[in-house]
Protein backbone atom coordinates (compact mmCIF):
# COMPACT_ATOMS: atom_id res chain seq x y z
CA MET A 1 0.00 0.00 0.00
CA GLU A 2 1.33 3.41 -0.96
CA GLU A 3 2.30 5.59 1.99
CA ILE A 4 0.28 8.79 2.26
CA ARG A 5 2.72 11.62 2.79
CA GLN A 6 1.73 14.85 4.49
CA PRO A 7 2.06 17.91 2.26
CA ARG A 8 5.37 19.72 2.68
CA ASN A 9 4.97 23.01 4.54
CA VAL A 10 6.24 25.88 2.37
CA ALA A 11 6.68 29.02 4.47
CA ILE A 12 7.35 32.37 2.80
CA LEU A 13 8.72 35.07 5.08
CA ILE A 14 7.14 38.48 4.47
CA PHE A 15 8.13 41.91 5.79
CA ASP A 16 7.46 45.56 5.03
CA ASN A 17 8.74 46.64 1.60
CA VAL A 18 9.14 43.05 0.40
CA GLU A 19 9.30 42.76 -3.41
CA VAL A 20 5.86 41.52 -4.49
CA LEU A 21 6.92 39.06 -7.20
CA ASP A 22 9.67 37.66 -4.95
CA LEU A 23 6.97 36.20 -2.75
CA THR A 24 3.99 35.80 -5.11
CA GLY A 25 6.04 34.10 -7.85
CA PRO A 26 7.15 31.20 -5.63
CA PHE A 27 3.73 31.19 -3.91
CA GLU A 28 2.06 30.65 -7.30
CA VAL A 29 4.52 27.93 -8.34
CA PHE A 30 4.09 25.92 -5.16
CA ILE A 31 0.30 26.15 -5.05
CA THR A 32 0.05 25.35 -8.77
CA GLY A 33 2.54 22.48 -8.44
CA SER A 34 0.97 21.13 -5.24
CA ASN A 35 -1.24 18.49 -6.92
CA ARG A 36 -4.37 20.24 -5.59
CA GLY A 37 -2.84 20.75 -2.16
CA LYS A 38 -1.65 17.18 -1.67
CA ASP A 39 2.06 17.94 -1.93
CA PHE A 40 2.56 21.52 -0.71
CA ASN A 41 0.88 23.56 2.02
CA VAL A 42 1.93 27.16 1.27
CA TYR A 43 1.65 30.01 3.77
CA THR A 44 3.17 33.35 4.72
CA VAL A 45 4.88 34.16 7.99
CA ALA A 46 5.89 37.52 9.47
CA GLU A 47 7.46 38.79 12.66
CA HIS A 48 4.26 40.47 13.86
CA ASP A 49 0.54 39.74 13.54
CA ARG A 50 -0.37 42.78 11.47
CA PRO A 51 -0.72 43.58 7.77
CA ILE A 52 2.58 43.72 5.90
CA ILE A 53 2.91 46.61 3.46
CA ALA A 54 4.82 45.29 0.46
CA LEU A 55 6.34 47.46 -2.27
CA GLY A 56 3.69 49.50 -4.06
CA ASN A 57 1.59 49.65 -0.85
CA LEU A 58 0.18 46.15 -1.36
CA SER A 59 -1.21 45.08 2.02
CA ILE A 60 -0.79 41.39 2.91
CA ASN A 61 -2.09 39.60 5.99
CA PRO A 62 0.46 37.00 7.14
CA THR A 63 -0.97 33.55 7.83
CA TYR A 64 1.32 33.05 10.84
CA THR A 65 3.89 34.85 12.93
CA ILE A 66 7.35 33.50 13.70
CA GLY A 67 5.94 32.64 17.14
CA ASN A 68 3.17 30.30 15.94
CA CYS A 69 4.35 29.19 12.51
CA PRO A 70 4.21 25.44 11.78
CA GLN A 71 7.68 23.98 11.19
CA PRO A 72 8.43 24.58 7.50
CA ASP A 73 9.86 21.90 5.23
CA LEU A 74 10.76 24.63 2.75
CA LEU A 75 11.48 28.17 3.90
CA ILE A 76 11.60 30.97 1.31
CA ILE A 77 13.27 34.30 2.06
CA PRO A 78 12.30 36.93 -0.55
CA GLY A 79 14.02 40.28 -1.13
CA GLY A 80 13.08 43.84 -1.92
CA TRP A 81 14.02 47.13 -0.30
CA GLY A 82 12.77 45.84 3.05
CA SER A 83 15.46 43.16 3.12
CA ARG A 84 17.99 45.87 4.03
CA ASN A 85 16.08 46.43 7.29
CA GLU A 86 15.43 42.75 7.96
CA MET A 87 19.08 41.78 7.48
CA GLU A 88 19.79 43.94 10.57
CA ASN A 89 16.81 42.51 12.49
CA LYS A 90 18.33 40.05 14.96
CA ILE A 91 14.91 38.60 15.82
CA ILE A 92 14.41 37.58 12.17
CA THR A 93 17.98 36.42 11.46
CA ASN A 94 18.06 34.37 14.69
CA TRP A 95 14.67 32.82 13.85
CA ILE A 96 15.83 31.88 10.33
CA ARG A 97 19.07 30.39 11.68
CA GLU A 98 17.21 28.32 14.29
CA ILE A 99 14.32 27.12 12.14
CA SER A 100 16.57 26.37 9.16
CA LYS A 101 18.26 23.57 11.11
CA ASP A 102 15.17 21.43 10.55
CA VAL A 103 14.07 22.50 7.05
CA GLU A 104 14.51 20.31 4.00
CA LEU A 105 15.31 23.29 1.77
CA LEU A 106 16.11 26.95 2.44
CA LEU A 107 15.48 29.21 -0.56
CA SER A 108 16.22 32.87 -1.16
CA VAL A 109 15.00 35.18 -3.89
CA CYS A 110 16.83 38.37 -4.88
CA THR A 111 18.18 40.29 -1.87
CA GLY A 112 16.83 37.64 0.48
CA ALA A 113 20.45 36.47 0.16
CA LEU A 114 21.50 39.47 2.27
CA ILE A 115 19.27 38.24 5.10
CA LEU A 116 20.74 34.71 4.85
CA ALA A 117 24.25 36.18 4.91
CA LYS A 118 23.43 38.08 8.11
CA ALA A 119 21.96 34.87 9.56
CA ASN A 120 25.42 33.29 9.05
CA LEU A 121 24.12 30.51 6.80
CA LEU A 122 26.21 30.99 3.64
CA ASP A 123 29.71 29.81 4.58
CA GLY A 124 31.44 28.06 1.71
CA LEU A 125 28.46 28.29 -0.65
CA LYS A 126 27.98 29.58 -4.18
CA LEU A 127 25.76 32.67 -4.01
CA THR A 128 23.71 34.89 -6.26
CA THR A 129 21.23 37.74 -5.90
CA ASN A 130 19.67 40.49 -7.98
CA ARG A 131 22.32 41.69 -10.43
CA LEU A 132 21.86 45.24 -9.14
CA ALA A 133 22.66 44.13 -5.58
CA MET A 134 25.88 42.15 -6.17
CA ASN A 135 28.05 44.74 -4.40
CA GLU A 136 25.74 44.66 -1.37
CA LEU A 137 26.04 40.87 -1.26
CA LYS A 138 29.84 41.05 -1.59
CA ALA A 139 29.90 43.40 1.42
CA VAL A 140 28.13 40.93 3.74
CA ALA A 141 28.94 37.49 2.28
CA PRO A 142 31.47 35.33 4.11
CA GLU A 143 34.94 35.21 2.55
CA SER A 144 34.53 31.47 2.03
CA ALA A 145 31.55 32.02 -0.32
CA GLU A 146 31.76 32.39 -4.09
CA ILE A 147 29.46 34.92 -5.77
CA ILE A 148 28.16 33.94 -9.22
CA GLU A 149 26.87 37.01 -11.04
CA ASP A 150 25.22 35.47 -14.11
CA ALA A 151 23.16 32.64 -12.58
CA ARG A 152 19.35 32.53 -12.49
CA TYR A 153 19.60 30.22 -9.46
CA ILE A 154 22.23 28.15 -7.71
CA ASP A 155 21.65 24.83 -5.92
CA ASN A 156 24.00 24.25 -2.98
CA GLY A 157 22.06 21.19 -1.82
CA LYS A 158 19.98 22.36 1.14
CA ILE A 159 20.33 26.08 0.32
CA ILE A 160 19.23 27.36 -3.09
CA LEU A 161 19.54 31.03 -4.06
CA SER A 162 18.08 32.86 -7.03
CA ALA A 163 18.70 36.13 -8.81
CA GLY A 164 16.13 38.91 -8.80
CA VAL A 165 12.35 39.00 -8.96
CA SER A 166 11.19 36.65 -11.77
CA ALA A 167 14.19 34.35 -11.16
CA GLY A 168 12.36 33.19 -8.03
CA ILE A 169 9.76 31.58 -10.31
CA ASP A 170 12.47 29.68 -12.18
CA MET A 171 14.07 28.56 -8.92
CA SER A 172 10.72 27.41 -7.54
CA LEU A 173 9.96 25.41 -10.70
CA TYR A 174 13.43 23.88 -10.38
CA VAL A 175 12.63 22.90 -6.78
CA VAL A 176 9.34 21.29 -7.90
CA SER A 177 11.36 19.28 -10.46
CA LYS A 178 13.93 18.36 -7.80
CA LEU A 179 11.23 17.04 -5.45
CA PHE A 180 8.66 15.61 -7.89
CA GLY A 181 10.38 15.29 -11.26
CA GLU A 182 10.70 17.34 -14.40
CA GLU A 183 7.25 16.44 -15.74
CA ARG A 184 5.55 17.93 -12.67
CA ALA A 185 7.56 21.14 -13.06
CA LYS A 186 6.82 21.38 -16.79
CA HIS A 187 3.11 20.83 -16.11
CA THR A 188 3.19 23.52 -13.41
CA ALA A 189 4.80 26.00 -15.81
CA GLN A 190 2.21 25.07 -18.46
CA LEU A 191 -0.66 25.69 -16.03
CA MET A 192 0.87 29.08 -15.20
CA GLU A 193 1.42 29.82 -18.91
CA TYR A 194 5.03 30.51 -17.96
CA ASP A 195 7.84 30.02 -20.45
CA TRP A 196 10.29 27.92 -18.44
CA GLU A 197 13.45 26.32 -19.70
CA VAL A 198 14.80 23.38 -17.74
């Protein structure tokens, strides 16, 4: 008899001035690729229980706070202008460092890489971020890390980083293919009418 697996929890951290597509792109991929909710349970998490004001004044109600969030299997750290504040927020960087010990995959989009650098999680890894933020990443990345400027996304095993904005969609489709095979990822991209190259 086939074992029924619980859906993987996919938590997306949100914060004021988060880049909208950094979070909604992966959100869309994981709900579309979830096999009608059987394989991924996607939710947002924020530091406080109040609306988050994303770039462009988009107001988003987080599903959970870092205090009551279910343990994620996948944790996604998006970027945007707000990442510059959050990278200095010890409550957030400590939470990411602690909770990441038990995640299957830790993903960053765009300048989410700055937050992971400040959480001391990038030693010895290959890194990327938004092309316009490479110098910011170089300033905070550990010396042991290698920054790759022309990558859409980079898989370090547990930690996967993507370049800016729409690159988070490509990374998320890649993660769907990594977990459930290329056909699932291609079907997800087709449902989204997204032109994805493996």
